[in-house]
N, C-alpha and C. Protein backbone atom coordinates (compact mmCIF):
# COMPACT_ATOMS: atom_id res chain seq x y z
N MET A 1 -2.19 -46.18 0.40
CA MET A 1 -3.54 -45.92 -0.47
C MET A 1 -3.72 -44.50 -0.75
N LEU A 2 -3.52 -43.78 0.49
CA LEU A 2 -3.89 -42.25 0.09
C LEU A 2 -2.94 -41.50 -0.96
N ASN A 3 -1.40 -42.13 -0.65
CA ASN A 3 -0.67 -41.44 -1.63
C ASN A 3 -0.73 -41.85 -2.97
N MET A 4 -1.33 -43.05 -3.19
CA MET A 4 -1.69 -43.34 -4.69
C MET A 4 -3.04 -42.46 -4.97
N ALA A 5 -3.89 -42.24 -4.34
CA ALA A 5 -5.10 -41.45 -4.54
C ALA A 5 -4.75 -40.01 -4.92
N ALA A 6 -3.83 -39.53 -4.05
CA ALA A 6 -3.16 -38.03 -4.09
C ALA A 6 -2.47 -37.88 -5.48
N ALA A 7 -1.68 -38.85 -5.73
CA ALA A 7 -0.85 -38.89 -6.96
C ALA A 7 -1.67 -39.03 -8.18
N ALA A 8 -2.86 -39.87 -8.23
CA ALA A 8 -3.95 -39.77 -9.33
C ALA A 8 -4.48 -38.53 -9.32
N LEU A 9 -4.82 -37.82 -8.39
CA LEU A 9 -5.36 -36.54 -8.47
C LEU A 9 -4.51 -35.57 -9.08
N VAL A 10 -3.21 -35.49 -8.71
CA VAL A 10 -2.27 -34.59 -9.43
C VAL A 10 -2.15 -35.02 -10.82
N ALA A 11 -2.20 -36.12 -11.14
CA ALA A 11 -1.94 -36.47 -12.54
C ALA A 11 -3.17 -36.10 -13.38
N LEU A 12 -4.35 -36.31 -12.71
CA LEU A 12 -5.60 -35.74 -13.57
C LEU A 12 -5.77 -34.34 -13.74
N SER A 13 -5.22 -33.63 -12.55
CA SER A 13 -5.31 -32.24 -12.78
C SER A 13 -4.38 -31.76 -13.70
N ALA A 14 -3.26 -32.21 -14.20
CA ALA A 14 -2.43 -31.94 -15.12
C ALA A 14 -3.20 -32.20 -16.56
N LEU A 15 -4.05 -33.08 -16.62
CA LEU A 15 -4.82 -33.23 -17.82
C LEU A 15 -5.84 -32.36 -18.13
N VAL A 16 -6.47 -31.57 -17.19
CA VAL A 16 -7.56 -30.66 -17.16
C VAL A 16 -7.02 -29.26 -17.75
N PRO A 17 -7.33 -28.86 -18.97
CA PRO A 17 -6.94 -27.51 -19.72
C PRO A 17 -6.93 -26.29 -18.65
N ALA A 18 -6.00 -25.55 -18.76
CA ALA A 18 -6.10 -24.44 -17.90
C ALA A 18 -7.25 -23.48 -18.24
N ASP A 19 -7.74 -23.39 -19.47
CA ASP A 19 -8.85 -22.69 -20.07
C ASP A 19 -10.15 -23.14 -19.43
N THR A 20 -10.31 -23.99 -18.69
CA THR A 20 -11.60 -24.29 -18.25
C THR A 20 -11.79 -23.45 -16.62
N ALA A 21 -10.87 -22.62 -16.44
CA ALA A 21 -11.17 -21.72 -15.33
C ALA A 21 -12.46 -20.75 -15.58
N GLU A 22 -12.87 -20.02 -14.62
CA GLU A 22 -14.03 -19.33 -14.74
C GLU A 22 -13.60 -18.12 -15.88
N GLU A 23 -14.57 -17.63 -16.43
CA GLU A 23 -14.42 -16.74 -17.61
C GLU A 23 -13.85 -15.45 -16.77
N PRO A 24 -13.01 -14.55 -17.49
CA PRO A 24 -12.24 -13.41 -16.95
C PRO A 24 -13.23 -12.48 -16.60
N ALA A 25 -12.89 -11.54 -15.65
CA ALA A 25 -13.61 -10.32 -15.28
C ALA A 25 -13.26 -9.15 -16.40
N PRO A 26 -14.19 -8.71 -17.20
CA PRO A 26 -13.66 -7.65 -18.01
C PRO A 26 -13.36 -6.27 -17.20
N VAL A 27 -12.33 -5.64 -17.86
CA VAL A 27 -12.25 -4.41 -17.26
C VAL A 27 -12.97 -3.38 -18.23
N LEU A 28 -13.88 -2.74 -17.59
CA LEU A 28 -14.81 -1.70 -18.34
C LEU A 28 -14.65 -0.40 -17.99
N GLU A 29 -14.36 0.31 -18.93
CA GLU A 29 -14.17 1.77 -18.79
C GLU A 29 -15.21 2.82 -19.71
N VAL A 30 -15.64 3.65 -19.00
CA VAL A 30 -16.71 4.58 -19.92
C VAL A 30 -15.75 5.69 -20.39
N VAL A 31 -15.50 5.90 -21.66
CA VAL A 31 -14.66 6.52 -22.24
C VAL A 31 -15.17 8.01 -22.44
N THR A 32 -16.39 8.10 -22.93
CA THR A 32 -17.02 9.25 -22.97
C THR A 32 -18.62 9.21 -22.73
N VAL A 33 -19.06 10.31 -22.49
CA VAL A 33 -20.56 10.48 -22.36
C VAL A 33 -20.77 11.70 -22.85
N ASN A 34 -21.42 12.01 -24.09
CA ASN A 34 -21.47 13.41 -24.69
C ASN A 34 -22.46 13.35 -25.75
N GLY A 35 -23.10 14.70 -26.02
CA GLY A 35 -24.30 14.78 -26.75
C GLY A 35 -25.20 16.05 -26.30
N SER A 36 -26.11 16.34 -27.04
CA SER A 36 -26.65 17.60 -26.73
C SER A 36 -27.57 17.56 -25.40
N GLY A 37 -27.84 16.33 -24.78
CA GLY A 37 -28.25 16.17 -23.59
C GLY A 37 -27.24 15.94 -22.47
N CYS A 38 -26.01 16.02 -22.88
CA CYS A 38 -24.89 15.61 -21.89
C CYS A 38 -23.68 16.16 -22.23
N ARG A 39 -23.42 17.48 -21.79
CA ARG A 39 -22.04 17.96 -22.25
C ARG A 39 -20.96 17.25 -21.77
N ALA A 40 -19.94 17.08 -22.28
CA ALA A 40 -18.80 16.40 -21.98
C ALA A 40 -18.32 16.72 -20.61
N GLY A 41 -18.06 15.85 -19.76
CA GLY A 41 -17.76 16.02 -18.28
C GLY A 41 -18.86 16.27 -17.22
N ASP A 42 -20.09 16.49 -17.89
CA ASP A 42 -21.23 16.75 -16.91
C ASP A 42 -22.10 15.54 -16.68
N ALA A 43 -21.54 14.57 -16.29
CA ALA A 43 -22.38 13.18 -15.89
C ALA A 43 -21.57 12.70 -14.66
N ASP A 44 -22.24 11.89 -13.91
CA ASP A 44 -21.61 11.13 -12.84
C ASP A 44 -21.43 9.63 -13.26
N ILE A 45 -20.12 9.17 -13.29
CA ILE A 45 -19.98 7.90 -13.92
C ILE A 45 -19.15 6.84 -12.99
N ALA A 46 -19.94 5.64 -12.71
CA ALA A 46 -19.23 4.69 -11.98
C ALA A 46 -19.25 3.19 -12.71
N THR A 47 -18.22 2.67 -12.50
CA THR A 47 -17.96 1.30 -12.97
C THR A 47 -17.62 0.39 -11.87
N SER A 48 -18.14 -1.04 -12.08
CA SER A 48 -17.88 -2.10 -10.93
C SER A 48 -17.91 -3.31 -11.80
N GLY A 49 -16.74 -4.03 -11.85
CA GLY A 49 -16.58 -5.32 -12.60
C GLY A 49 -17.10 -4.95 -14.22
N ARG A 50 -18.17 -5.77 -14.35
CA ARG A 50 -18.75 -5.61 -15.86
C ARG A 50 -20.03 -4.79 -15.92
N THR A 51 -20.20 -3.91 -15.02
CA THR A 51 -21.50 -2.99 -15.03
C THR A 51 -20.99 -1.61 -15.11
N PHE A 52 -21.83 -0.81 -15.36
CA PHE A 52 -21.75 0.64 -15.35
C PHE A 52 -22.92 1.51 -14.83
N THR A 53 -22.83 2.66 -14.26
CA THR A 53 -24.03 3.40 -13.99
C THR A 53 -23.50 4.96 -14.29
N ILE A 54 -24.54 5.75 -14.90
CA ILE A 54 -24.44 6.80 -15.27
C ILE A 54 -25.47 7.82 -14.72
N GLY A 55 -25.20 8.91 -14.17
CA GLY A 55 -26.27 9.83 -13.75
C GLY A 55 -26.09 11.02 -14.62
N TYR A 56 -27.25 11.69 -15.16
CA TYR A 56 -27.08 12.80 -16.07
C TYR A 56 -27.65 14.05 -15.28
N HIS A 57 -27.29 15.09 -15.77
CA HIS A 57 -27.60 16.40 -15.08
C HIS A 57 -28.58 17.18 -15.81
N GLU A 58 -28.41 17.18 -17.35
CA GLU A 58 -29.19 17.85 -18.34
C GLU A 58 -29.70 17.25 -19.53
N PHE A 59 -29.86 16.06 -19.24
CA PHE A 59 -30.58 15.04 -20.45
C PHE A 59 -32.29 15.23 -20.38
N LEU A 60 -32.72 16.36 -20.85
CA LEU A 60 -34.07 16.80 -20.73
C LEU A 60 -34.67 17.38 -22.23
N ALA A 61 -35.69 16.89 -22.65
CA ALA A 61 -36.16 17.37 -24.00
C ALA A 61 -37.59 18.01 -23.52
N ARG A 62 -38.06 19.18 -24.12
CA ARG A 62 -39.11 19.90 -23.68
C ARG A 62 -39.83 20.68 -24.95
N ALA A 63 -41.25 20.85 -24.63
CA ALA A 63 -41.74 21.64 -25.72
C ALA A 63 -43.20 22.30 -25.07
N GLY A 64 -43.22 23.50 -25.59
CA GLY A 64 -44.45 24.37 -24.85
C GLY A 64 -43.77 25.37 -24.05
N ASP A 65 -44.59 26.29 -23.61
CA ASP A 65 -44.00 27.33 -22.43
C ASP A 65 -42.69 28.12 -22.73
N GLY A 66 -42.57 28.51 -24.25
CA GLY A 66 -41.53 29.18 -24.63
C GLY A 66 -40.34 28.45 -25.10
N SER A 67 -40.36 27.04 -25.15
CA SER A 67 -39.37 26.18 -25.48
C SER A 67 -38.92 26.40 -27.02
N SER A 68 -37.53 26.44 -27.30
CA SER A 68 -36.97 26.49 -28.56
C SER A 68 -37.33 25.21 -29.38
N PRO A 69 -37.35 25.19 -30.71
CA PRO A 69 -37.31 23.88 -31.52
C PRO A 69 -36.08 22.92 -31.12
N LEU A 70 -35.03 23.55 -30.90
CA LEU A 70 -33.97 23.02 -30.49
C LEU A 70 -33.94 22.12 -29.13
N ASP A 71 -35.00 22.54 -28.19
CA ASP A 71 -35.27 21.75 -27.03
C ASP A 71 -35.99 20.54 -26.94
N MET A 72 -36.75 20.44 -28.31
CA MET A 72 -37.60 18.96 -28.55
C MET A 72 -36.86 17.84 -28.59
N ARG A 73 -35.59 17.77 -28.94
CA ARG A 73 -34.92 16.54 -29.09
C ARG A 73 -33.36 16.66 -28.43
N LYS A 74 -33.17 15.65 -27.50
CA LYS A 74 -31.81 15.64 -27.03
C LYS A 74 -31.19 14.28 -26.98
N ASN A 75 -29.99 14.11 -27.15
CA ASN A 75 -29.36 12.80 -27.32
C ASN A 75 -28.28 12.87 -26.38
N CYS A 76 -27.66 11.49 -26.13
CA CYS A 76 -26.52 11.44 -25.52
C CYS A 76 -25.82 10.07 -25.80
N GLN A 77 -24.60 9.95 -26.23
CA GLN A 77 -24.08 8.63 -26.49
C GLN A 77 -22.85 8.42 -25.47
N VAL A 78 -22.93 7.09 -25.12
CA VAL A 78 -22.05 6.46 -24.21
C VAL A 78 -20.98 5.66 -24.89
N ASN A 79 -19.86 5.84 -24.62
CA ASN A 79 -18.94 5.17 -25.53
C ASN A 79 -17.99 4.15 -24.34
N LEU A 80 -18.09 2.82 -24.42
CA LEU A 80 -17.35 1.82 -23.49
C LEU A 80 -16.38 1.32 -24.07
N ARG A 81 -15.17 1.19 -23.37
CA ARG A 81 -14.13 0.38 -23.66
C ARG A 81 -14.17 -1.03 -22.83
N VAL A 82 -13.85 -2.02 -23.43
CA VAL A 82 -13.92 -3.28 -22.62
C VAL A 82 -12.30 -4.03 -22.99
N ASN A 83 -11.90 -4.31 -21.78
CA ASN A 83 -10.58 -5.15 -21.83
C ASN A 83 -10.77 -6.30 -21.43
N VAL A 84 -10.40 -7.37 -22.53
CA VAL A 84 -10.48 -8.85 -22.00
C VAL A 84 -9.23 -9.52 -22.45
N PRO A 85 -8.76 -10.65 -21.80
CA PRO A 85 -7.68 -11.33 -22.28
C PRO A 85 -7.67 -12.00 -23.74
N ASP A 86 -6.59 -12.12 -24.22
CA ASP A 86 -6.70 -12.85 -25.69
C ASP A 86 -7.57 -13.96 -25.67
N GLY A 87 -8.16 -14.37 -26.60
CA GLY A 87 -8.97 -15.45 -26.87
C GLY A 87 -10.42 -15.24 -26.18
N TRP A 88 -10.78 -14.08 -25.85
CA TRP A 88 -12.03 -13.86 -25.31
C TRP A 88 -12.68 -12.54 -26.00
N THR A 89 -13.91 -12.55 -26.14
CA THR A 89 -14.75 -11.23 -26.74
C THR A 89 -15.75 -11.04 -25.90
N TYR A 90 -16.47 -9.89 -26.23
CA TYR A 90 -17.46 -9.19 -25.30
C TYR A 90 -18.42 -8.67 -26.18
N ALA A 91 -19.53 -8.15 -25.38
CA ALA A 91 -20.67 -7.57 -26.04
C ALA A 91 -21.67 -6.92 -24.94
N LEU A 92 -22.35 -6.04 -25.39
CA LEU A 92 -23.44 -5.33 -24.38
C LEU A 92 -24.44 -6.40 -23.98
N ALA A 93 -24.62 -6.70 -22.68
CA ALA A 93 -25.61 -7.79 -22.35
C ALA A 93 -27.07 -6.98 -22.17
N TRP A 94 -26.81 -5.77 -21.55
CA TRP A 94 -28.14 -5.19 -21.42
C TRP A 94 -27.93 -3.75 -20.97
N THR A 95 -28.96 -2.83 -21.10
CA THR A 95 -28.82 -1.41 -20.72
C THR A 95 -30.15 -1.00 -20.16
N SER A 96 -30.42 -0.10 -19.24
CA SER A 96 -31.72 0.27 -18.81
C SER A 96 -31.47 1.88 -18.52
N TYR A 97 -32.60 2.52 -18.72
CA TYR A 97 -32.73 4.02 -18.48
C TYR A 97 -33.83 4.38 -17.65
N ALA A 98 -33.67 5.40 -16.84
CA ALA A 98 -34.45 5.61 -15.78
C ALA A 98 -34.89 7.31 -16.03
N GLY A 99 -36.09 7.70 -15.93
CA GLY A 99 -36.43 9.06 -15.93
C GLY A 99 -37.80 9.49 -15.53
N TYR A 100 -38.19 10.63 -15.92
CA TYR A 100 -39.59 11.23 -15.61
C TYR A 100 -40.02 12.01 -16.71
N THR A 101 -41.40 11.74 -17.03
CA THR A 101 -42.16 12.48 -18.14
C THR A 101 -43.23 12.95 -17.84
N HIS A 102 -43.32 14.28 -18.26
CA HIS A 102 -44.62 15.13 -17.86
C HIS A 102 -45.25 15.91 -19.20
N LEU A 103 -46.56 15.21 -19.58
CA LEU A 103 -47.25 15.51 -20.80
C LEU A 103 -48.50 15.99 -20.55
N GLN A 104 -49.12 16.96 -21.27
CA GLN A 104 -50.31 17.45 -21.34
C GLN A 104 -51.03 16.64 -22.20
N GLU A 105 -52.35 16.55 -22.21
CA GLU A 105 -53.24 15.76 -23.28
C GLU A 105 -52.90 16.36 -24.66
N GLY A 106 -52.65 15.61 -25.56
CA GLY A 106 -52.31 15.84 -26.78
C GLY A 106 -50.77 15.99 -27.22
N ALA A 107 -50.02 16.13 -26.24
CA ALA A 107 -48.53 15.76 -26.35
C ALA A 107 -47.92 14.52 -26.46
N THR A 108 -46.87 14.12 -26.99
CA THR A 108 -46.13 12.75 -26.94
C THR A 108 -44.80 12.91 -26.78
N ALA A 109 -44.22 11.86 -26.37
CA ALA A 109 -42.63 11.78 -26.06
C ALA A 109 -42.17 10.48 -26.54
N LEU A 110 -40.95 10.36 -26.65
CA LEU A 110 -40.21 9.28 -27.19
C LEU A 110 -38.96 8.97 -26.48
N HIS A 111 -38.55 7.86 -25.97
CA HIS A 111 -37.34 7.45 -25.62
C HIS A 111 -36.80 6.45 -26.54
N ARG A 112 -35.59 6.62 -27.20
CA ARG A 112 -35.10 5.71 -28.09
C ARG A 112 -33.66 5.43 -27.69
N VAL A 113 -33.45 4.03 -27.86
CA VAL A 113 -32.03 3.57 -27.74
C VAL A 113 -31.48 2.63 -28.92
N ASN A 114 -30.26 2.92 -29.22
CA ASN A 114 -29.56 2.02 -30.16
C ASN A 114 -28.23 1.68 -29.86
N THR A 115 -27.73 0.68 -30.04
CA THR A 115 -26.28 0.27 -29.83
C THR A 115 -25.49 -0.22 -31.02
N TYR A 116 -24.29 0.10 -31.04
CA TYR A 116 -23.43 -0.55 -32.10
C TYR A 116 -22.06 -0.73 -31.53
N LEU A 117 -21.21 -1.39 -32.24
CA LEU A 117 -19.84 -1.50 -32.03
C LEU A 117 -19.10 -0.55 -33.15
N GLN A 118 -18.10 0.09 -32.44
CA GLN A 118 -17.39 1.01 -33.17
C GLN A 118 -16.98 0.62 -34.71
N GLY A 119 -17.21 1.33 -35.69
CA GLY A 119 -17.05 0.85 -37.00
C GLY A 119 -17.87 -0.14 -37.60
N MET A 120 -18.92 -0.59 -36.96
CA MET A 120 -19.88 -1.49 -37.43
C MET A 120 -21.33 -0.85 -37.48
N SER A 121 -22.16 -1.49 -38.24
CA SER A 121 -23.50 -0.91 -38.54
C SER A 121 -24.32 -0.80 -37.27
N GLN A 122 -25.06 0.13 -37.20
CA GLN A 122 -26.00 0.22 -35.91
C GLN A 122 -27.08 -0.94 -35.74
N THR A 123 -27.46 -1.10 -34.59
CA THR A 123 -28.58 -2.08 -34.51
C THR A 123 -29.98 -1.30 -34.69
N GLU A 124 -31.02 -2.10 -34.79
CA GLU A 124 -32.27 -1.47 -34.81
C GLU A 124 -32.65 -0.63 -33.63
N TYR A 125 -33.40 0.62 -33.74
CA TYR A 125 -33.70 1.41 -32.70
C TYR A 125 -34.87 0.70 -31.85
N VAL A 126 -34.86 0.79 -30.59
CA VAL A 126 -35.65 0.30 -29.57
C VAL A 126 -36.37 1.56 -29.11
N ASN A 127 -37.67 1.53 -29.41
CA ASN A 127 -38.60 2.73 -28.96
C ASN A 127 -39.39 2.59 -27.82
N HIS A 128 -39.55 3.74 -26.92
CA HIS A 128 -40.55 3.67 -25.79
C HIS A 128 -41.26 4.78 -25.85
N PRO A 129 -42.57 4.65 -26.53
CA PRO A 129 -43.27 6.02 -26.57
C PRO A 129 -44.10 6.33 -25.47
N PHE A 130 -44.37 7.74 -25.16
CA PHE A 130 -45.35 8.09 -24.16
C PHE A 130 -46.41 8.93 -24.79
N THR A 131 -47.70 8.80 -24.17
CA THR A 131 -48.78 9.72 -24.76
C THR A 131 -49.34 10.57 -23.69
N GLY A 132 -49.58 11.84 -23.78
CA GLY A 132 -50.05 12.41 -22.84
C GLY A 132 -51.66 12.34 -22.57
N PRO A 133 -52.49 12.53 -21.61
CA PRO A 133 -51.87 13.00 -20.35
C PRO A 133 -51.09 11.91 -19.65
N PHE A 134 -49.76 12.16 -19.23
CA PHE A 134 -49.02 11.27 -18.51
C PHE A 134 -48.00 12.23 -17.63
N SER A 135 -47.73 11.70 -16.28
CA SER A 135 -46.80 12.48 -15.55
C SER A 135 -46.43 11.36 -14.54
N ASP A 136 -45.17 10.83 -14.62
CA ASP A 136 -44.82 9.70 -13.83
C ASP A 136 -43.24 9.24 -14.07
N ASP A 137 -42.66 8.71 -13.13
CA ASP A 137 -41.49 8.03 -13.33
C ASP A 137 -41.60 6.93 -14.33
N TRP A 138 -40.46 6.69 -14.99
CA TRP A 138 -40.28 5.57 -16.00
C TRP A 138 -39.08 4.88 -15.98
N GLU A 139 -39.04 3.56 -16.32
CA GLU A 139 -37.95 2.94 -16.67
C GLU A 139 -37.99 2.04 -17.88
N THR A 140 -36.96 2.21 -18.73
CA THR A 140 -36.96 1.56 -20.11
C THR A 140 -35.81 0.41 -19.89
N HIS A 141 -35.93 -0.71 -20.71
CA HIS A 141 -34.96 -1.68 -20.75
C HIS A 141 -34.79 -2.09 -22.23
N TYR A 142 -33.35 -2.54 -22.56
CA TYR A 142 -32.95 -3.10 -23.64
C TYR A 142 -32.20 -4.28 -23.34
N ARG A 143 -32.47 -5.46 -23.93
CA ARG A 143 -31.82 -6.53 -23.64
C ARG A 143 -31.79 -7.28 -24.97
N PRO A 144 -30.84 -7.31 -25.92
CA PRO A 144 -30.93 -7.97 -27.28
C PRO A 144 -31.19 -9.34 -26.97
N ASP A 145 -31.82 -9.94 -27.94
CA ASP A 145 -31.90 -11.45 -28.05
C ASP A 145 -30.68 -11.90 -28.55
N ILE A 146 -30.47 -13.20 -28.46
CA ILE A 146 -29.23 -13.98 -28.77
C ILE A 146 -28.82 -13.68 -30.17
N SER A 147 -29.66 -13.73 -31.00
CA SER A 147 -29.32 -13.34 -32.49
C SER A 147 -29.14 -12.00 -32.73
N GLU A 148 -29.17 -11.05 -31.88
CA GLU A 148 -28.82 -9.57 -32.14
C GLU A 148 -27.74 -9.29 -31.36
N ILE A 149 -27.16 -9.80 -30.54
CA ILE A 149 -26.03 -9.68 -29.87
C ILE A 149 -24.91 -9.32 -30.84
N GLN A 150 -24.24 -8.30 -30.67
CA GLN A 150 -23.12 -7.90 -31.58
C GLN A 150 -21.70 -8.08 -30.68
N TRP A 151 -21.15 -8.96 -31.03
CA TRP A 151 -19.96 -9.43 -30.43
C TRP A 151 -18.82 -8.77 -31.09
N SER A 152 -17.90 -8.09 -30.34
CA SER A 152 -16.57 -7.78 -30.81
C SER A 152 -15.85 -8.63 -31.49
N PRO A 153 -15.18 -8.28 -32.82
CA PRO A 153 -14.50 -9.35 -33.53
C PRO A 153 -13.28 -9.71 -32.81
N CYS A 154 -13.02 -11.23 -32.55
CA CYS A 154 -11.91 -11.54 -31.81
C CYS A 154 -10.53 -10.97 -32.41
N GLY A 155 -9.74 -10.62 -31.85
CA GLY A 155 -8.41 -10.09 -31.84
C GLY A 155 -8.58 -8.64 -32.52
N SER A 156 -9.96 -8.01 -32.73
CA SER A 156 -10.00 -6.55 -33.25
C SER A 156 -11.08 -5.76 -32.34
N PRO A 157 -10.52 -5.47 -31.08
CA PRO A 157 -11.50 -4.88 -30.18
C PRO A 157 -12.03 -3.66 -30.64
N ARG A 158 -13.27 -3.55 -30.41
CA ARG A 158 -14.12 -2.22 -30.64
C ARG A 158 -14.81 -1.78 -29.52
N ASN A 159 -14.99 -0.32 -29.32
CA ASN A 159 -15.67 0.18 -28.42
C ASN A 159 -17.17 -0.04 -28.59
N ILE A 160 -18.00 -0.07 -27.51
CA ILE A 160 -19.38 -0.36 -27.63
C ILE A 160 -20.06 1.20 -27.57
N ASN A 161 -20.92 1.54 -28.36
CA ASN A 161 -21.49 2.78 -28.37
C ASN A 161 -23.04 2.45 -27.99
N ILE A 162 -23.47 3.33 -27.10
CA ILE A 162 -24.95 3.29 -26.83
C ILE A 162 -25.55 4.64 -27.02
N ASN A 163 -26.41 4.93 -27.94
CA ASN A 163 -26.87 6.22 -28.24
C ASN A 163 -28.29 6.28 -27.80
N ALA A 164 -28.54 7.25 -26.94
CA ALA A 164 -30.20 7.21 -26.44
C ALA A 164 -30.45 8.80 -26.97
N GLU A 165 -31.91 8.95 -26.89
CA GLU A 165 -32.53 10.12 -27.28
C GLU A 165 -33.75 10.32 -26.46
N VAL A 166 -34.21 11.57 -26.41
CA VAL A 166 -35.56 11.85 -25.75
C VAL A 166 -36.16 12.80 -26.76
N ARG A 167 -37.44 12.67 -27.08
CA ARG A 167 -38.14 13.70 -28.01
C ARG A 167 -39.34 14.18 -27.21
N VAL A 168 -39.80 15.24 -27.46
CA VAL A 168 -41.24 15.82 -26.98
C VAL A 168 -41.89 16.47 -28.12
N ASN A 169 -42.95 16.00 -28.39
CA ASN A 169 -43.88 16.80 -29.38
C ASN A 169 -45.00 17.21 -28.91
N LEU A 170 -45.09 18.70 -29.05
CA LEU A 170 -46.27 19.37 -28.65
C LEU A 170 -47.73 18.85 -29.09
N GLY A 171 -47.66 18.49 -30.28
CA GLY A 171 -48.96 17.92 -30.77
C GLY A 171 -50.19 18.84 -30.76
N SER A 172 -51.24 18.58 -30.20
CA SER A 172 -52.47 19.37 -29.96
C SER A 172 -52.51 19.82 -28.57
N ALA A 173 -51.32 19.94 -27.84
CA ALA A 173 -51.18 20.39 -26.47
C ALA A 173 -51.41 21.87 -26.58
N ASP A 174 -51.67 22.53 -25.34
CA ASP A 174 -51.57 24.02 -25.14
C ASP A 174 -50.28 24.33 -25.27
N PRO A 175 -49.85 25.24 -26.17
CA PRO A 175 -48.62 25.67 -26.23
C PRO A 175 -48.12 26.45 -25.15
N ASP A 176 -48.88 26.94 -24.27
CA ASP A 176 -48.45 27.66 -23.14
C ASP A 176 -47.96 26.98 -22.03
N ARG A 177 -48.22 25.58 -22.21
CA ARG A 177 -48.08 24.85 -21.02
C ARG A 177 -46.88 23.77 -21.41
N LEU A 178 -45.91 23.76 -20.26
CA LEU A 178 -44.54 23.00 -20.30
C LEU A 178 -44.81 21.35 -20.34
N ASN A 179 -44.19 20.69 -21.38
CA ASN A 179 -44.29 19.08 -21.57
C ASN A 179 -42.72 18.89 -21.60
N PHE A 180 -42.39 17.87 -20.91
CA PHE A 180 -40.99 17.51 -20.73
C PHE A 180 -40.84 15.95 -20.63
N ALA A 181 -39.54 15.61 -21.04
CA ALA A 181 -39.10 14.24 -20.77
C ALA A 181 -37.55 14.42 -20.12
N ILE A 182 -37.40 13.84 -18.97
CA ILE A 182 -36.14 13.68 -18.34
C ILE A 182 -35.45 12.45 -18.32
N VAL A 183 -34.34 12.28 -18.71
CA VAL A 183 -33.57 11.01 -18.47
C VAL A 183 -32.56 11.34 -17.32
N GLU A 184 -32.75 10.42 -16.17
CA GLU A 184 -32.02 10.72 -14.88
C GLU A 184 -30.68 9.95 -14.87
N SER A 185 -30.94 8.70 -15.34
CA SER A 185 -29.83 7.92 -15.22
C SER A 185 -29.86 6.68 -16.12
N SER A 186 -28.64 5.92 -16.26
CA SER A 186 -28.70 4.78 -17.10
C SER A 186 -27.78 3.77 -16.54
N ARG A 187 -27.94 2.40 -16.73
CA ARG A 187 -27.18 1.44 -16.17
C ARG A 187 -27.06 0.35 -17.38
N GLY A 188 -25.96 -0.39 -16.98
CA GLY A 188 -25.73 -1.61 -18.13
C GLY A 188 -24.71 -2.59 -17.59
N ALA A 189 -24.51 -3.58 -18.48
CA ALA A 189 -23.37 -4.61 -18.13
C ALA A 189 -23.01 -5.02 -19.52
N VAL A 190 -21.94 -5.63 -19.46
CA VAL A 190 -21.40 -6.46 -20.67
C VAL A 190 -21.14 -7.83 -20.20
N ARG A 191 -21.01 -8.60 -21.38
CA ARG A 191 -20.94 -10.15 -21.31
C ARG A 191 -19.81 -10.51 -21.87
N VAL A 192 -19.23 -11.62 -21.72
CA VAL A 192 -17.85 -12.13 -22.33
C VAL A 192 -18.19 -13.67 -22.75
N LYS A 193 -17.30 -13.89 -23.73
CA LYS A 193 -17.32 -15.28 -24.20
C LYS A 193 -15.99 -15.53 -25.12
N ARG A 194 -15.70 -16.88 -25.07
CA ARG A 194 -14.48 -17.31 -25.75
C ARG A 194 -14.60 -17.06 -27.24
N CYS A 195 -13.53 -16.77 -27.93
CA CYS A 195 -13.43 -16.52 -29.27
C CYS A 195 -13.92 -17.90 -30.13
């Protein structure tokens, strides 16, 4: 009786398609981190499975206290390569940024993020404004709705671009006092699905 049950299980397992296995773990690579707020090679990068973490050293916008107009806006673009087996596609699942902002009364700051696949149109900007007086740590999150997710075209892999910027506007604040916004780190993850 046990031999018949074992034979039946073997026969049934042959009928179950091999593609019902767990989804594959993508191979994620941070190709570049570059911009006016992050010189090439000047970031700490780590990947683990489908996630990445980046630590920034110079991602700082400032206004007042002798700052130049070029200091008021800084950007940093992250370029991700994702490798998945044939028959699978991928997209950015979420990303978050952490930093610190110090603003006098009358000054404002903005942290802005947008994402897009290489060769495709950009998504809408996600804005996170700050209004002085403000002096605190912050963390912003971007998690696209299902309808906003940009999946890489099946059979035509595209790198994922994440473009972030910080801006500081002096406004009516005292021009002799410093106002700044620092981006210290970012994290994120990709997701996969069948084509």
